[in-house]
Amino acid sequence: AFYSYGITRKRKHPAKHFSNEAIFFLGVLSTATAITFFGEA
């Protein structure tokens, strides 16, 4: 969801570089958490 929203927002507002990258960072954190739970599984 974070990555999809970030991609859509980047296409609509390419000049808002920092906020777009911040959204991708939230996707990075979520991915890291998902990988951690995958490791537990």
PDB file of all heavy atoms in Angstrom:
ATOM      1  N   ALA A   1       0.830  -1.208   0.000  1.00  0.00           N
ATOM      2  CA  ALA A   1       0.000   0.000   0.000  1.00  0.00           C
ATOM      3  C   ALA A   1       0.868   1.263   0.000  1.00  0.00           C
ATOM      4  O   ALA A   1       0.594   2.220  -0.742  1.00  0.00           O
ATOM      5  CB  ALA A   1      -0.932  -0.008   1.212  1.00  0.00           C
ATOM      6  N   PHE A   2       1.912   1.269   0.834  1.00  0.00           N
ATOM      7  CA  PHE A   2       2.820   2.429   0.873  1.00  0.00           C
ATOM      8  C   PHE A   2       3.519   2.614  -0.462  1.00  0.00           C
ATOM      9  O   PHE A   2       3.604   3.737  -0.984  1.00  0.00           O
ATOM     10  CB  PHE A   2       3.860   2.258   1.992  1.00  0.00           C
ATOM     11  CG  PHE A   2       3.367   2.670   3.344  1.00  0.00           C
ATOM     12  CD1 PHE A   2       3.457   1.801   4.424  1.00  0.00           C
ATOM     13  CD2 PHE A   2       2.836   3.932   3.558  1.00  0.00           C
ATOM     14  CE1 PHE A   2       3.018   2.175   5.681  1.00  0.00           C
ATOM     15  CE2 PHE A   2       2.387   4.318   4.812  1.00  0.00           C
ATOM     16  CZ  PHE A   2       2.471   3.430   5.876  1.00  0.00           C
ATOM     17  N   TYR A   3       4.035   1.523  -1.032  1.00  0.00           N
ATOM     18  CA  TYR A   3       4.739   1.624  -2.313  1.00  0.00           C
ATOM     19  C   TYR A   3       3.790   2.098  -3.424  1.00  0.00           C
ATOM     20  O   TYR A   3       4.167   2.957  -4.241  1.00  0.00           O
ATOM     21  CB  TYR A   3       5.347   0.274  -2.701  1.00  0.00           C
ATOM     22  CG  TYR A   3       6.497  -0.164  -1.833  1.00  0.00           C
ATOM     23  CD1 TYR A   3       6.585  -1.479  -1.354  1.00  0.00           C
ATOM     24  CD2 TYR A   3       7.518   0.721  -1.494  1.00  0.00           C
ATOM     25  CE1 TYR A   3       7.646  -1.881  -0.556  1.00  0.00           C
ATOM     26  CE2 TYR A   3       8.582   0.328  -0.696  1.00  0.00           C
ATOM     27  CZ  TYR A   3       8.634  -0.987  -0.229  1.00  0.00           C
ATOM     28  OH  TYR A   3       9.681  -1.386   0.556  1.00  0.00           O
ATOM     29  N   SER A   4       2.581   1.565  -3.453  1.00  0.00           N
ATOM     30  CA  SER A   4       1.612   1.951  -4.483  1.00  0.00           C
ATOM     31  C   SER A   4       1.252   3.429  -4.368  1.00  0.00           C
ATOM     32  O   SER A   4       1.204   4.152  -5.378  1.00  0.00           O
ATOM     33  CB  SER A   4       0.346   1.096  -4.367  1.00  0.00           C
ATOM     34  OG  SER A   4       0.649  -0.275  -4.520  1.00  0.00           O
ATOM     35  N   TYR A   5       1.018   3.863  -3.123  1.00  0.00           N
ATOM     36  CA  TYR A   5       0.683   5.272  -2.909  1.00  0.00           C
ATOM     37  C   TYR A   5       1.866   6.167  -3.288  1.00  0.00           C
ATOM     38  O   TYR A   5       1.683   7.225  -3.902  1.00  0.00           O
ATOM     39  CB  TYR A   5       0.301   5.494  -1.450  1.00  0.00           C
ATOM     40  CG  TYR A   5       0.010   6.934  -1.102  1.00  0.00           C
ATOM     41  CD1 TYR A   5      -0.992   7.641  -1.763  1.00  0.00           C
ATOM     42  CD2 TYR A   5       0.743   7.588  -0.124  1.00  0.00           C
ATOM     43  CE1 TYR A   5      -1.254   8.967  -1.457  1.00  0.00           C
ATOM     44  CE2 TYR A   5       0.491   8.913   0.193  1.00  0.00           C
ATOM     45  CZ  TYR A   5      -0.507   9.597  -0.478  1.00  0.00           C
ATOM     46  OH  TYR A   5      -0.759  10.907  -0.171  1.00  0.00           O
ATOM     47  N   GLY A   6       3.075   5.725  -2.939  1.00  0.00           N
ATOM     48  CA  GLY A   6       4.263   6.503  -3.276  1.00  0.00           C
ATOM     49  C   GLY A   6       4.461   6.627  -4.772  1.00  0.00           C
ATOM     50  O   GLY A   6       4.803   7.711  -5.280  1.00  0.00           O
ATOM     51  N   ILE A   7       4.242   5.534  -5.516  1.00  0.00           N
ATOM     52  CA  ILE A   7       4.396   5.564  -6.975  1.00  0.00           C
ATOM     53  C   ILE A   7       3.363   6.493  -7.602  1.00  0.00           C
ATOM     54  O   ILE A   7       3.681   7.321  -8.474  1.00  0.00           O
ATOM     55  CB  ILE A   7       4.260   4.137  -7.553  1.00  0.00           C
ATOM     56  CG1 ILE A   7       5.444   3.266  -7.100  1.00  0.00           C
ATOM     57  CG2 ILE A   7       4.205   4.181  -9.072  1.00  0.00           C
ATOM     58  CD1 ILE A   7       5.272   1.801  -7.445  1.00  0.00           C
ATOM     59  N   THR A   8       2.104   6.367  -7.163  1.00  0.00           N
ATOM     60  CA  THR A   8       1.035   7.222  -7.694  1.00  0.00           C
ATOM     61  C   THR A   8       1.319   8.692  -7.408  1.00  0.00           C
ATOM     62  O   THR A   8       1.165   9.554  -8.287  1.00  0.00           O
ATOM     63  CB  THR A   8      -0.314   6.818  -7.080  1.00  0.00           C
ATOM     64  OG1 THR A   8      -0.563   5.426  -7.326  1.00  0.00           O
ATOM     65  CG2 THR A   8      -1.445   7.647  -7.666  1.00  0.00           C
ATOM     66  N   ARG A   9       1.743   8.964  -6.179  1.00  0.00           N
ATOM     67  CA  ARG A   9       2.010  10.345  -5.792  1.00  0.00           C
ATOM     68  C   ARG A   9       3.224  10.912  -6.546  1.00  0.00           C
ATOM     69  O   ARG A   9       3.248  12.092  -6.901  1.00  0.00           O
ATOM     70  CB  ARG A   9       2.271  10.400  -4.282  1.00  0.00           C
ATOM     71  CG  ARG A   9       2.196  11.796  -3.692  1.00  0.00           C
ATOM     72  CD  ARG A   9       2.270  11.703  -2.171  1.00  0.00           C
ATOM     73  NE  ARG A   9       2.049  13.009  -1.567  1.00  0.00           N
ATOM     74  CZ  ARG A   9       3.018  13.902  -1.379  1.00  0.00           C
ATOM     75  NH1 ARG A   9       4.249  13.616  -1.767  1.00  0.00           N
ATOM     76  NH2 ARG A   9       2.754  15.058  -0.810  1.00  0.00           N
ATOM     77  N   LYS A  10       4.206  10.056  -6.802  1.00  0.00           N
ATOM     78  CA  LYS A  10       5.398  10.504  -7.524  1.00  0.00           C
ATOM     79  C   LYS A  10       5.065  10.875  -8.956  1.00  0.00           C
ATOM     80  O   LYS A  10       5.630  11.826  -9.512  1.00  0.00           O
ATOM     81  CB  LYS A  10       6.465   9.403  -7.489  1.00  0.00           C
ATOM     82  CG  LYS A  10       7.806   9.814  -8.083  1.00  0.00           C
ATOM     83  CD  LYS A  10       8.836   8.732  -7.892  1.00  0.00           C
ATOM     84  CE  LYS A  10      10.188   9.183  -8.431  1.00  0.00           C
ATOM     85  NZ  LYS A  10      11.242   8.157  -8.231  1.00  0.00           N
ATOM     86  N   ARG A  11       4.143  10.141  -9.569  1.00  0.00           N
ATOM     87  CA  ARG A  11       3.728  10.452 -10.934  1.00  0.00           C
ATOM     88  C   ARG A  11       2.925  11.745 -11.010  1.00  0.00           C
ATOM     89  O   ARG A  11       3.065  12.520 -11.958  1.00  0.00           O
ATOM     90  CB  ARG A  11       2.915   9.301 -11.506  1.00  0.00           C
ATOM     91  CG  ARG A  11       3.748   8.048 -11.805  1.00  0.00           C
ATOM     92  CD  ARG A  11       2.874   6.870 -12.151  1.00  0.00           C
ATOM     93  NE  ARG A  11       3.659   5.676 -12.425  1.00  0.00           N
ATOM     94  CZ  ARG A  11       3.150   4.462 -12.549  1.00  0.00           C
ATOM     95  NH1 ARG A  11       1.826   4.276 -12.430  1.00  0.00           N
ATOM     96  NH2 ARG A  11       3.938   3.423 -12.787  1.00  0.00           N
ATOM     97  N   LYS A  12       2.086  11.977  -9.980  1.00  0.00           N
ATOM     98  CA  LYS A  12       1.260  13.185  -9.970  1.00  0.00           C
ATOM     99  C   LYS A  12       2.056  14.411  -9.523  1.00  0.00           C
ATOM    100  O   LYS A  12       1.849  15.514 -10.036  1.00  0.00           O
ATOM    101  CB  LYS A  12       0.063  12.984  -9.036  1.00  0.00           C
ATOM    102  CG  LYS A  12      -0.959  11.992  -9.560  1.00  0.00           C
ATOM    103  CD  LYS A  12      -2.148  11.893  -8.599  1.00  0.00           C
ATOM    104  CE  LYS A  12      -3.212  10.940  -9.134  1.00  0.00           C
ATOM    105  NZ  LYS A  12      -4.367  10.818  -8.208  1.00  0.00           N
ATOM    106  N   HIS A  13       2.951  14.219  -8.542  1.00  0.00           N
ATOM    107  CA  HIS A  13       3.712  15.344  -7.971  1.00  0.00           C
ATOM    108  C   HIS A  13       5.204  14.997  -7.950  1.00  0.00           C
ATOM    109  O   HIS A  13       5.781  14.769  -6.882  1.00  0.00           O
ATOM    110  CB  HIS A  13       3.224  15.667  -6.560  1.00  0.00           C
ATOM    111  CG  HIS A  13       1.742  15.847  -6.441  1.00  0.00           C
ATOM    112  ND1 HIS A  13       1.089  16.970  -6.909  1.00  0.00           N
ATOM    113  CD2 HIS A  13       0.777  15.035  -5.922  1.00  0.00           C
ATOM    114  CE1 HIS A  13      -0.210  16.849  -6.671  1.00  0.00           C
ATOM    115  NE2 HIS A  13      -0.426  15.690  -6.082  1.00  0.00           N
ATOM    116  N   PRO A  14       5.851  14.933  -9.106  1.00  0.00           N
ATOM    117  CA  PRO A  14       7.273  14.560  -9.136  1.00  0.00           C
ATOM    118  C   PRO A  14       8.183  15.567  -8.436  1.00  0.00           C
ATOM    119  O   PRO A  14       9.279  15.214  -8.001  1.00  0.00           O
ATOM    120  CB  PRO A  14       7.579  14.493 -10.637  1.00  0.00           C
ATOM    121  CG  PRO A  14       6.541  15.351 -11.285  1.00  0.00           C
ATOM    122  CD  PRO A  14       5.313  15.200 -10.440  1.00  0.00           C
ATOM    123  N   ALA A  15       7.720  16.818  -8.303  1.00  0.00           N
ATOM    124  CA  ALA A  15       8.554  17.841  -7.666  1.00  0.00           C
ATOM    125  C   ALA A  15       8.637  17.654  -6.150  1.00  0.00           C
ATOM    126  O   ALA A  15       9.583  18.133  -5.511  1.00  0.00           O
ATOM    127  CB  ALA A  15       8.018  19.232  -7.981  1.00  0.00           C
ATOM    128  N   LYS A  16       7.650  16.960  -5.561  1.00  0.00           N
ATOM    129  CA  LYS A  16       7.647  16.744  -4.108  1.00  0.00           C
ATOM    130  C   LYS A  16       8.520  15.531  -3.772  1.00  0.00           C
ATOM    131  O   LYS A  16       8.056  14.484  -3.327  1.00  0.00           O
ATOM    132  CB  LYS A  16       6.220  16.550  -3.605  1.00  0.00           C
ATOM    133  CG  LYS A  16       5.349  17.785  -3.807  1.00  0.00           C
ATOM    134  CD  LYS A  16       3.943  17.588  -3.257  1.00  0.00           C
ATOM    135  CE  LYS A  16       3.102  18.839  -3.427  1.00  0.00           C
ATOM    136  NZ  LYS A  16       1.727  18.661  -2.906  1.00  0.00           N
ATOM    137  N   HIS A  17       9.810  15.721  -4.003  1.00  0.00           N
ATOM    138  CA  HIS A  17      10.767  14.612  -3.918  1.00  0.00           C
ATOM    139  C   HIS A  17      10.881  14.050  -2.505  1.00  0.00           C
ATOM    140  O   HIS A  17      10.832  12.832  -2.296  1.00  0.00           O
ATOM    141  CB  HIS A  17      12.135  15.095  -4.409  1.00  0.00           C
ATOM    142  CG  HIS A  17      13.227  14.105  -4.233  1.00  0.00           C
ATOM    143  ND1 HIS A  17      13.351  12.973  -5.014  1.00  0.00           N
ATOM    144  CD2 HIS A  17      14.253  14.062  -3.336  1.00  0.00           C
ATOM    145  CE1 HIS A  17      14.407  12.284  -4.628  1.00  0.00           C
ATOM    146  NE2 HIS A  17      14.972  12.913  -3.619  1.00  0.00           N
ATOM    147  N   PHE A  18      11.028  14.941  -1.525  1.00  0.00           N
ATOM    148  CA  PHE A  18      11.314  14.484  -0.163  1.00  0.00           C
ATOM    149  C   PHE A  18      10.129  13.757   0.460  1.00  0.00           C
ATOM    150  O   PHE A  18      10.295  12.722   1.113  1.00  0.00           O
ATOM    151  CB  PHE A  18      11.738  15.666   0.714  1.00  0.00           C
ATOM    152  CG  PHE A  18      12.991  16.344   0.227  1.00  0.00           C
ATOM    153  CD1 PHE A  18      12.985  17.680  -0.106  1.00  0.00           C
ATOM    154  CD2 PHE A  18      14.166  15.631   0.087  1.00  0.00           C
ATOM    155  CE1 PHE A  18      14.124  18.304  -0.573  1.00  0.00           C
ATOM    156  CE2 PHE A  18      15.321  16.240  -0.369  1.00  0.00           C
ATOM    157  CZ  PHE A  18      15.295  17.586  -0.699  1.00  0.00           C
ATOM    158  N   SER A  19       8.917  14.277   0.260  1.00  0.00           N
ATOM    159  CA  SER A  19       7.743  13.615   0.826  1.00  0.00           C
ATOM    160  C   SER A  19       7.485  12.276   0.125  1.00  0.00           C
ATOM    161  O   SER A  19       7.069  11.302   0.763  1.00  0.00           O
ATOM    162  CB  SER A  19       6.512  14.517   0.722  1.00  0.00           C
ATOM    163  OG  SER A  19       6.278  14.897  -0.621  1.00  0.00           O
ATOM    164  N   ASN A  20       7.758  12.212  -1.181  1.00  0.00           N
ATOM    165  CA  ASN A  20       7.603  10.940  -1.892  1.00  0.00           C
ATOM    166  C   ASN A  20       8.581   9.893  -1.364  1.00  0.00           C
ATOM    167  O   ASN A  20       8.224   8.731  -1.153  1.00  0.00           O
ATOM    168  CB  ASN A  20       7.834  11.140  -3.402  1.00  0.00           C
ATOM    169  CG  ASN A  20       6.755  11.988  -4.047  1.00  0.00           C
ATOM    170  OD1 ASN A  20       5.634  12.051  -3.559  1.00  0.00           O
ATOM    171  ND2 ASN A  20       7.095  12.644  -5.145  1.00  0.00           N
ATOM    172  N   GLU A  21       9.819  10.313  -1.144  1.00  0.00           N
ATOM    173  CA  GLU A  21      10.820   9.388  -0.623  1.00  0.00           C
ATOM    174  C   GLU A  21      10.491   8.962   0.812  1.00  0.00           C
ATOM    175  O   GLU A  21      10.764   7.822   1.211  1.00  0.00           O
ATOM    176  CB  GLU A  21      12.209  10.030  -0.659  1.00  0.00           C
ATOM    177  CG  GLU A  21      12.770  10.224  -2.058  1.00  0.00           C
ATOM    178  CD  GLU A  21      13.111   8.913  -2.749  1.00  0.00           C
ATOM    179  OE1 GLU A  21      14.206   8.381  -2.530  1.00  0.00           O
ATOM    180  OE2 GLU A  21      12.254   8.411  -3.508  1.00  0.00           O
ATOM    181  N   ALA A  22       9.889   9.873   1.588  1.00  0.00           N
ATOM    182  CA  ALA A  22       9.496   9.524   2.956  1.00  0.00           C
ATOM    183  C   ALA A  22       8.425   8.436   2.955  1.00  0.00           C
ATOM    184  O   ALA A  22       8.428   7.542   3.810  1.00  0.00           O
ATOM    185  CB  ALA A  22       8.988  10.770   3.686  1.00  0.00           C
ATOM    186  N   ILE A  23       7.512   8.501   1.997  1.00  0.00           N
ATOM    187  CA  ILE A  23       6.479   7.463   1.877  1.00  0.00           C
ATOM    188  C   ILE A  23       7.119   6.126   1.507  1.00  0.00           C
ATOM    189  O   ILE A  23       6.760   5.070   2.059  1.00  0.00           O
ATOM    190  CB  ILE A  23       5.421   7.865   0.828  1.00  0.00           C
ATOM    191  CG1 ILE A  23       4.631   9.084   1.326  1.00  0.00           C
ATOM    192  CG2 ILE A  23       4.466   6.707   0.535  1.00  0.00           C
ATOM    193  CD1 ILE A  23       3.762   9.722   0.277  1.00  0.00           C
ATOM    194  N   PHE A  24       8.079   6.157   0.588  1.00  0.00           N
ATOM    195  CA  PHE A  24       8.800   4.929   0.236  1.00  0.00           C
ATOM    196  C   PHE A  24       9.536   4.368   1.454  1.00  0.00           C
ATOM    197  O   PHE A  24       9.646   3.147   1.610  1.00  0.00           O
ATOM    198  CB  PHE A  24       9.793   5.201  -0.893  1.00  0.00           C
ATOM    199  CG  PHE A  24       9.156   5.359  -2.239  1.00  0.00           C
ATOM    200  CD1 PHE A  24       9.601   6.325  -3.136  1.00  0.00           C
ATOM    201  CD2 PHE A  24       8.109   4.537  -2.631  1.00  0.00           C
ATOM    202  CE1 PHE A  24       9.010   6.464  -4.377  1.00  0.00           C
ATOM    203  CE2 PHE A  24       7.510   4.672  -3.874  1.00  0.00           C
ATOM    204  CZ  PHE A  24       7.955   5.646  -4.744  1.00  0.00           C
ATOM    205  N   PHE A  25      10.045   5.261   2.310  1.00  0.00           N
ATOM    206  CA  PHE A  25      10.740   4.799   3.509  1.00  0.00           C
ATOM    207  C   PHE A  25       9.796   4.037   4.437  1.00  0.00           C
ATOM    208  O   PHE A  25      10.190   3.041   5.055  1.00  0.00           O
ATOM    209  CB  PHE A  25      11.362   5.981   4.249  1.00  0.00           C
ATOM    210  CG  PHE A  25      11.996   5.602   5.559  1.00  0.00           C
ATOM    211  CD1 PHE A  25      13.208   4.926   5.596  1.00  0.00           C
ATOM    212  CD2 PHE A  25      11.368   5.894   6.764  1.00  0.00           C
ATOM    213  CE1 PHE A  25      13.787   4.560   6.791  1.00  0.00           C
ATOM    214  CE2 PHE A  25      11.938   5.530   7.970  1.00  0.00           C
ATOM    215  CZ  PHE A  25      13.151   4.863   7.983  1.00  0.00           C
ATOM    216  N   LEU A  26       8.555   4.507   4.551  1.00  0.00           N
ATOM    217  CA  LEU A  26       7.574   3.767   5.354  1.00  0.00           C
ATOM    218  C   LEU A  26       7.331   2.388   4.755  1.00  0.00           C
ATOM    219  O   LEU A  26       7.140   1.403   5.484  1.00  0.00           O
ATOM    220  CB  LEU A  26       6.260   4.561   5.418  1.00  0.00           C
ATOM    221  CG  LEU A  26       6.327   5.906   6.146  1.00  0.00           C
ATOM    222  CD1 LEU A  26       4.982   6.621   6.064  1.00  0.00           C
ATOM    223  CD2 LEU A  26       6.726   5.718   7.615  1.00  0.00           C
ATOM    224  N   GLY A  27       7.367   2.304   3.428  1.00  0.00           N
ATOM    225  CA  GLY A  27       7.272   1.000   2.776  1.00  0.00           C
ATOM    226  C   GLY A  27       8.476   0.122   3.094  1.00  0.00           C
ATOM    227  O   GLY A  27       8.342  -1.091   3.282  1.00  0.00           O
ATOM    228  N   VAL A  28       9.655   0.750   3.180  1.00  0.00           N
ATOM    229  CA  VAL A  28      10.876   0.016   3.535  1.00  0.00           C
ATOM    230  C   VAL A  28      10.752  -0.576   4.939  1.00  0.00           C
ATOM    231  O   VAL A  28      11.083  -1.754   5.175  1.00  0.00           O
ATOM    232  CB  VAL A  28      12.112   0.935   3.447  1.00  0.00           C
ATOM    233  CG1 VAL A  28      13.328   0.288   4.109  1.00  0.00           C
ATOM    234  CG2 VAL A  28      12.430   1.253   1.994  1.00  0.00           C
ATOM    235  N   LEU A  29      10.267   0.232   5.896  1.00  0.00           N
ATOM    236  CA  LEU A  29      10.083  -0.264   7.272  1.00  0.00           C
ATOM    237  C   LEU A  29       9.072  -1.409   7.308  1.00  0.00           C
ATOM    238  O   LEU A  29       9.296  -2.417   8.002  1.00  0.00           O
ATOM    239  CB  LEU A  29       9.612   0.876   8.177  1.00  0.00           C
ATOM    240  CG  LEU A  29      10.642   1.915   8.612  1.00  0.00           C
ATOM    241  CD1 LEU A  29       9.987   2.932   9.544  1.00  0.00           C
ATOM    242  CD2 LEU A  29      11.816   1.260   9.329  1.00  0.00           C
ATOM    243  N   SER A  30       7.989  -1.259   6.577  1.00  0.00           N
ATOM    244  CA  SER A  30       6.967  -2.312   6.549  1.00  0.00           C
ATOM    245  C   SER A  30       7.516  -3.591   5.928  1.00  0.00           C
ATOM    246  O   SER A  30       7.225  -4.701   6.402  1.00  0.00           O
ATOM    247  CB  SER A  30       5.741  -1.838   5.757  1.00  0.00           C
ATOM    248  OG  SER A  30       5.214  -0.641   6.300  1.00  0.00           O
ATOM    249  N   THR A  31       8.317  -3.443   4.887  1.00  0.00           N
ATOM    250  CA  THR A  31       8.936  -4.608   4.255  1.00  0.00           C
ATOM    251  C   THR A  31       9.877  -5.311   5.212  1.00  0.00           C
ATOM    252  O   THR A  31       9.891  -6.555   5.295  1.00  0.00           O
ATOM    253  CB  THR A  31       9.708  -4.186   2.988  1.00  0.00           C
ATOM    254  OG1 THR A  31       8.833  -3.488   2.102  1.00  0.00           O
ATOM    255  CG2 THR A  31      10.288  -5.399   2.280  1.00  0.00           C
ATOM    256  N   ALA A  32      10.686  -4.533   5.933  1.00  0.00           N
ATOM    257  CA  ALA A  32      11.616  -5.122   6.905  1.00  0.00           C
ATOM    258  C   ALA A  32      10.856  -5.898   7.977  1.00  0.00           C
ATOM    259  O   ALA A  32      11.277  -6.998   8.389  1.00  0.00           O
ATOM    260  CB  ALA A  32      12.465  -4.022   7.543  1.00  0.00           C
ATOM    261  N   THR A  33       9.725  -5.340   8.434  1.00  0.00           N
ATOM    262  CA  THR A  33       8.915  -6.031   9.438  1.00  0.00           C
ATOM    263  C   THR A  33       8.319  -7.317   8.869  1.00  0.00           C
ATOM    264  O   THR A  33       8.298  -8.361   9.543  1.00  0.00           O
ATOM    265  CB  THR A  33       7.774  -5.107   9.929  1.00  0.00           C
ATOM    266  OG1 THR A  33       8.319  -3.855  10.343  1.00  0.00           O
ATOM    267  CG2 THR A  33       7.044  -5.733  11.103  1.00  0.00           C
ATOM    268  N   ALA A  34       7.847  -7.259   7.629  1.00  0.00           N
ATOM    269  CA  ALA A  34       7.284  -8.449   6.973  1.00  0.00           C
ATOM    270  C   ALA A  34       8.343  -9.532   6.824  1.00  0.00           C
ATOM    271  O   ALA A  34       8.069 -10.726   7.065  1.00  0.00           O
ATOM    272  CB  ALA A  34       6.717  -8.074   5.611  1.00  0.00           C
ATOM    273  N   ILE A  35       9.559  -9.146   6.470  1.00  0.00           N
ATOM    274  CA  ILE A  35      10.646 -10.121   6.326  1.00  0.00           C
ATOM    275  C   ILE A  35      10.998 -10.732   7.683  1.00  0.00           C
ATOM    276  O   ILE A  35      11.304 -11.930   7.787  1.00  0.00           O
ATOM    277  CB  ILE A  35      11.881  -9.462   5.676  1.00  0.00           C
ATOM    278  CG1 ILE A  35      11.575  -9.104   4.220  1.00  0.00           C
ATOM    279  CG2 ILE A  35      13.104 -10.379   5.748  1.00  0.00           C
ATOM    280  CD1 ILE A  35      12.666  -8.305   3.539  1.00  0.00           C
ATOM    281  N   THR A  36      10.945  -9.920   8.747  1.00  0.00           N
ATOM    282  CA  THR A  36      11.210 -10.436  10.101  1.00  0.00           C
ATOM    283  C   THR A  36      10.192 -11.504  10.486  1.00  0.00           C
ATOM    284  O   THR A  36      10.553 -12.579  10.994  1.00  0.00           O
ATOM    285  CB  THR A  36      11.180  -9.285  11.119  1.00  0.00           C
ATOM    286  OG1 THR A  36      12.157  -8.300  10.751  1.00  0.00           O
ATOM    287  CG2 THR A  36      11.493  -9.796  12.519  1.00  0.00           C
ATOM    288  N   PHE A  37       8.918 -11.220  10.241  1.00  0.00           N
ATOM    289  CA  PHE A  37       7.866 -12.210  10.545  1.00  0.00           C
ATOM    290  C   PHE A  37       7.993 -13.446   9.653  1.00  0.00           C
ATOM    291  O   PHE A  37       7.709 -14.564  10.081  1.00  0.00           O
ATOM    292  CB  PHE A  37       6.478 -11.584  10.389  1.00  0.00           C
ATOM    293  CG  PHE A  37       6.127 -10.617  11.484  1.00  0.00           C
ATOM    294  CD1 PHE A  37       5.574  -9.372  11.199  1.00  0.00           C
ATOM    295  CD2 PHE A  37       6.346 -10.955  12.813  1.00  0.00           C
ATOM    296  CE1 PHE A  37       5.240  -8.492  12.209  1.00  0.00           C
ATOM    297  CE2 PHE A  37       6.016 -10.072  13.838  1.00  0.00           C
ATOM    298  CZ  PHE A  37       5.467  -8.837  13.541  1.00  0.00           C
ATOM    299  N   PHE A  38       8.432 -13.227   8.411  1.00  0.00           N
ATOM    300  CA  PHE A  38       8.659 -14.367   7.507  1.00  0.00           C
ATOM    301  C   PHE A  38       9.764 -15.267   8.069  1.00  0.00           C
ATOM    302  O   PHE A  38       9.667 -16.502   8.017  1.00  0.00           O
ATOM    303  CB  PHE A  38       9.044 -13.859   6.119  1.00  0.00           C
ATOM    304  CG  PHE A  38       9.423 -14.948   5.153  1.00  0.00           C
ATOM    305  CD1 PHE A  38       8.450 -15.756   4.590  1.00  0.00           C
ATOM    306  CD2 PHE A  38      10.754 -15.168   4.823  1.00  0.00           C
ATOM    307  CE1 PHE A  38       8.795 -16.776   3.700  1.00  0.00           C
ATOM    308  CE2 PHE A  38      11.108 -16.175   3.931  1.00  0.00           C
ATOM    309  CZ  PHE A  38      10.126 -16.980   3.378  1.00  0.00           C
ATOM    310  N   GLY A  39      10.796 -14.635   8.623  1.00  0.00           N
ATOM    311  CA  GLY A  39      11.871 -15.407   9.244  1.00  0.00           C
ATOM    312  C   GLY A  39      11.385 -16.228  10.424  1.00  0.00           C
ATOM    313  O   GLY A  39      11.809 -17.378  10.613  1.00  0.00           O
ATOM    314  N   GLU A  40      10.474 -15.625  11.222  1.00  0.00           N
ATOM    315  CA  GLU A  40       9.905 -16.369  12.351  1.00  0.00           C
ATOM    316  C   GLU A  40       9.062 -17.549  11.860  1.00  0.00           C
ATOM    317  O   GLU A  40       9.072 -18.629  12.467  1.00  0.00           O
ATOM    318  CB  GLU A  40       9.047 -15.433  13.206  1.00  0.00           C
ATOM    319  CG  GLU A  40       9.833 -14.372  13.964  1.00  0.00           C
ATOM    320  CD  GLU A  40       8.924 -13.514  14.817  1.00  0.00           C
ATOM    321  OE1 GLU A  40       7.717 -13.854  14.941  1.00  0.00           O
ATOM    322  OE2 GLU A  40       9.393 -12.497  15.365  1.00  0.00           O
ATOM    323  N   ALA A  41       8.362 -17.352  10.754  1.00  0.00           N
ATOM    324  CA  ALA A  41       7.469 -18.401  10.247  1.00  0.00           C
ATOM    325  C   ALA A  41       8.241 -19.608   9.712  1.00  0.00           C
ATOM    326  O   ALA A  41       7.790 -20.752   9.848  1.00  0.00           O
ATOM    327  CB  ALA A  41       6.563 -17.828   9.151  1.00  0.00           C
TER     328      ALA A  41
END
